[in-house]
């Protein structure tokens, strides 16, 4: 009885593992292994590596990164609000408007202080 009820899950799991291994092995065998000039160029940082990788970055880079993380996390609080909007009373609605008001005030403050100027 136990194997009969879980046999479809076992078949699906084994098929997915076998298919994943086949795709992995084929991509390893078919892919090109030679590094070309474009592959060895700098990426994501914007400048070529000409010195030690422990160079000092401008503090504005860290400030913008932290501000992005803060606002990104605060915006993620809107998703549960939107998902449960049909059953929220006025207190929940006004508290979300208050949250958005504080978020907007913080964004305007950062903008006026020049924290977002690059």
C-alpha atoms as a PDB file:
ATOM      1  CA  UNK A   1       0.000   0.000   0.000  1.00  0.00           C
ATOM      2  CA  UNK A   2       2.820   2.405   0.884  1.00  0.00           C
ATOM      3  CA  UNK A   3       4.703   1.881  -2.388  1.00  0.00           C
ATOM      4  CA  UNK A   4       1.513   2.030  -4.417  1.00  0.00           C
ATOM      5  CA  UNK A   5       0.536   5.461  -3.082  1.00  0.00           C
ATOM      6  CA  UNK A   6       4.006   6.965  -3.523  1.00  0.00           C
ATOM      7  CA  UNK A   7       5.045   5.187  -6.719  1.00  0.00           C
ATOM      8  CA  UNK A   8       4.156   8.136  -8.952  1.00  0.00           C
ATOM      9  CA  UNK A   9       6.369  10.434  -6.872  1.00  0.00           C
ATOM     10  CA  UNK A  10       9.212   7.915  -7.029  1.00  0.00           C
ATOM     11  CA  UNK A  11       8.856   7.588 -10.817  1.00  0.00           C
ATOM     12  CA  UNK A  12       8.800  11.363 -11.246  1.00  0.00           C
ATOM     13  CA  UNK A  13      11.811  11.842  -8.976  1.00  0.00           C
ATOM     14  CA  UNK A  14      13.871   9.176 -10.717  1.00  0.00           C
ATOM     15  CA  UNK A  15      12.950  10.499 -14.184  1.00  0.00           C
ATOM     16  CA  UNK A  16      13.926  14.029 -13.196  1.00  0.00           C
ATOM     17  CA  UNK A  17      17.268  12.896 -11.742  1.00  0.00           C
ATOM     18  CA  UNK A  18      18.071  10.839 -14.843  1.00  0.00           C
ATOM     19  CA  UNK A  19      17.093  13.680 -17.166  1.00  0.00           C
ATOM     20  CA  UNK A  20      19.165  16.166 -15.141  1.00  0.00           C
ATOM     21  CA  UNK A  21      22.212  13.922 -15.310  1.00  0.00           C
ATOM     22  CA  UNK A  22      21.800  13.436 -19.068  1.00  0.00           C
ATOM     23  CA  UNK A  23      21.548  17.197 -19.636  1.00  0.00           C
ATOM     24  CA  UNK A  24      24.556  17.862 -17.399  1.00  0.00           C
ATOM     25  CA  UNK A  25      26.757  15.288 -19.117  1.00  0.00           C
ATOM     26  CA  UNK A  26      25.711  16.404 -22.617  1.00  0.00           C
ATOM     27  CA  UNK A  27      26.365  20.059 -21.858  1.00  0.00           C
ATOM     28  CA  UNK A  28      29.797  19.161 -20.486  1.00  0.00           C
ATOM     29  CA  UNK A  29      30.683  17.104 -23.562  1.00  0.00           C
ATOM     30  CA  UNK A  30      29.304  19.485 -26.197  1.00  0.00           C
ATOM     31  CA  UNK A  31      30.422  22.831 -24.745  1.00  0.00           C
ATOM     32  CA  UNK A  32      33.537  24.638 -25.907  1.00  0.00           C
ATOM     33  CA  UNK A  33      36.385  24.579 -23.435  1.00  0.00           C
ATOM     34  CA  UNK A  34      38.666  27.186 -25.026  1.00  0.00           C
ATOM     35  CA  UNK A  35      38.707  30.633 -23.439  1.00  0.00           C
ATOM     36  CA  UNK A  36      38.511  33.445 -25.958  1.00  0.00           C
ATOM     37  CA  UNK A  37      39.344  37.120 -25.542  1.00  0.00           C
ATOM     38  CA  UNK A  38      35.742  38.179 -24.911  1.00  0.00           C
ATOM     39  CA  UNK A  39      35.315  35.584 -22.191  1.00  0.00           C
ATOM     40  CA  UNK A  40      38.357  36.825 -20.299  1.00  0.00           C
ATOM     41  CA  UNK A  41      37.344  40.519 -20.288  1.00  0.00           C
ATOM     42  CA  UNK A  42      36.067  42.300 -17.202  1.00  0.00           C
ATOM     43  CA  UNK A  43      32.384  42.098 -16.424  1.00  0.00           C
ATOM     44  CA  UNK A  44      29.952  43.430 -13.812  1.00  0.00           C
ATOM     45  CA  UNK A  45      32.448  45.838 -12.282  1.00  0.00           C
ATOM     46  CA  UNK A  46      32.962  48.138 -15.280  1.00  0.00           C
ATOM     47  CA  UNK A  47      36.754  48.399 -15.276  1.00  0.00           C
ATOM     48  CA  UNK A  48      39.576  46.117 -16.276  1.00  0.00           C
ATOM     49  CA  UNK A  49      41.473  44.357 -13.496  1.00  0.00           C
ATOM     50  CA  UNK A  50      44.769  46.204 -13.535  1.00  0.00           C
ATOM     51  CA  UNK A  51      45.733  46.043  -9.858  1.00  0.00           C
ATOM     52  CA  UNK A  52      45.027  44.031  -6.773  1.00  0.00           C
ATOM     53  CA  UNK A  53      41.430  42.926  -6.375  1.00  0.00           C
ATOM     54  CA  UNK A  54      41.279  44.510  -2.903  1.00  0.00           C
ATOM     55  CA  UNK A  55      41.075  48.104  -4.166  1.00  0.00           C
ATOM     56  CA  UNK A  56      39.067  50.561  -2.138  1.00  0.00           C
ATOM     57  CA  UNK A  57      35.673  51.441  -3.553  1.00  0.00           C
ATOM     58  CA  UNK A  58      34.010  54.776  -3.192  1.00  0.00           C
ATOM     59  CA  UNK A  59      31.711  54.846  -0.173  1.00  0.00           C
ATOM     60  CA  UNK A  60      28.856  56.046  -2.401  1.00  0.00           C
ATOM     61  CA  UNK A  61      28.825  52.617  -4.025  1.00  0.00           C
ATOM     62  CA  UNK A  62      28.088  50.986  -0.673  1.00  0.00           C
ATOM     63  CA  UNK A  63      25.550  53.662   0.219  1.00  0.00           C
ATOM     64  CA  UNK A  64      23.574  53.139  -2.973  1.00  0.00           C
ATOM     65  CA  UNK A  65      23.751  49.357  -2.537  1.00  0.00           C
ATOM     66  CA  UNK A  66      22.448  49.546   1.038  1.00  0.00           C
ATOM     67  CA  UNK A  67      19.693  51.971   0.067  1.00  0.00           C
ATOM     68  CA  UNK A  68      18.653  49.667  -2.745  1.00  0.00           C
ATOM     69  CA  UNK A  69      18.450  46.723  -0.362  1.00  0.00           C
ATOM     70  CA  UNK A  70      16.439  48.705   2.173  1.00  0.00           C
ATOM     71  CA  UNK A  71      13.906  49.954  -0.352  1.00  0.00           C
ATOM     72  CA  UNK A  72      13.744  46.590  -2.089  1.00  0.00           C
ATOM     73  CA  UNK A  73      12.898  44.866   1.182  1.00  0.00           C
ATOM     74  CA  UNK A  74      10.351  47.504   2.105  1.00  0.00           C
ATOM     75  CA  UNK A  75       8.624  47.147  -1.236  1.00  0.00           C
ATOM     76  CA  UNK A  76       8.391  43.399  -0.645  1.00  0.00           C
ATOM     77  CA  UNK A  77       5.986  44.186   2.221  1.00  0.00           C
ATOM     78  CA  UNK A  78       3.470  45.328  -0.387  1.00  0.00           C
ATOM     79  CA  UNK A  79       2.958  41.854  -1.851  1.00  0.00           C
ATOM     80  CA  UNK A  80       1.080  40.373   1.143  1.00  0.00           C
ATOM     81  CA  UNK A  81      -0.970  43.547   1.304  1.00  0.00           C
ATOM     82  CA  UNK A  82      -1.968  43.211  -2.336  1.00  0.00           C
ATOM     83  CA  UNK A  83      -2.697  39.493  -1.964  1.00  0.00           C
ATOM     84  CA  UNK A  84      -5.051  40.088   0.975  1.00  0.00           C
ATOM     85  CA  UNK A  85      -6.499  43.409  -0.167  1.00  0.00           C
ATOM     86  CA  UNK A  86     -10.045  42.046  -0.517  1.00  0.00           C
ATOM     87  CA  UNK A  87     -10.298  41.140   3.184  1.00  0.00           C
ATOM     88  CA  UNK A  88      -8.458  44.088   4.800  1.00  0.00           C
ATOM     89  CA  UNK A  89     -10.452  46.580   6.837  1.00  0.00           C
ATOM     90  CA  UNK A  90      -9.848  50.344   7.016  1.00  0.00           C
ATOM     91  CA  UNK A  91      -7.222  50.039   9.757  1.00  0.00           C
ATOM     92  CA  UNK A  92      -5.075  47.825   7.521  1.00  0.00           C
ATOM     93  CA  UNK A  93      -5.615  50.151   4.579  1.00  0.00           C
ATOM     94  CA  UNK A  94      -4.652  53.262   6.540  1.00  0.00           C
ATOM     95  CA  UNK A  95      -1.636  51.542   8.087  1.00  0.00           C
ATOM     96  CA  UNK A  96      -0.384  50.632   4.596  1.00  0.00           C
ATOM     97  CA  UNK A  97      -0.903  54.214   3.431  1.00  0.00           C
ATOM     98  CA  UNK A  98       1.067  55.370   6.481  1.00  0.00           C
ATOM     99  CA  UNK A  99       3.838  52.891   5.645  1.00  0.00           C
ATOM    100  CA  UNK A 100       3.964  54.147   2.050  1.00  0.00           C
ATOM    101  CA  UNK A 101       3.978  57.747   3.289  1.00  0.00           C
ATOM    102  CA  UNK A 102       6.998  57.072   5.527  1.00  0.00           C
ATOM    103  CA  UNK A 103       8.694  55.235   2.647  1.00  0.00           C
ATOM    104  CA  UNK A 104       8.114  58.204   0.344  1.00  0.00           C
ATOM    105  CA  UNK A 105       9.391  60.681   2.941  1.00  0.00           C
ATOM    106  CA  UNK A 106      12.569  58.602   3.350  1.00  0.00           C
ATOM    107  CA  UNK A 107      13.091  58.440  -0.399  1.00  0.00           C
ATOM    108  CA  UNK A 108      12.630  62.206  -0.812  1.00  0.00           C
ATOM    109  CA  UNK A 109      15.027  62.836   2.097  1.00  0.00           C
ATOM    110  CA  UNK A 110      17.699  60.642   0.505  1.00  0.00           C
ATOM    111  CA  UNK A 111      17.188  62.323  -2.828  1.00  0.00           C
ATOM    112  CA  UNK A 112      17.562  65.808  -1.342  1.00  0.00           C
ATOM    113  CA  UNK A 113      20.681  64.820   0.591  1.00  0.00           C
ATOM    114  CA  UNK A 114      22.261  63.604  -2.659  1.00  0.00           C
ATOM    115  CA  UNK A 115      22.640  59.996  -1.555  1.00  0.00           C
ATOM    116  CA  UNK A 116      21.408  58.779  -4.927  1.00  0.00           C
ATOM    117  CA  UNK A 117      23.739  60.976  -7.006  1.00  0.00           C
ATOM    118  CA  UNK A 118      26.396  58.924  -8.604  1.00  0.00           C
END
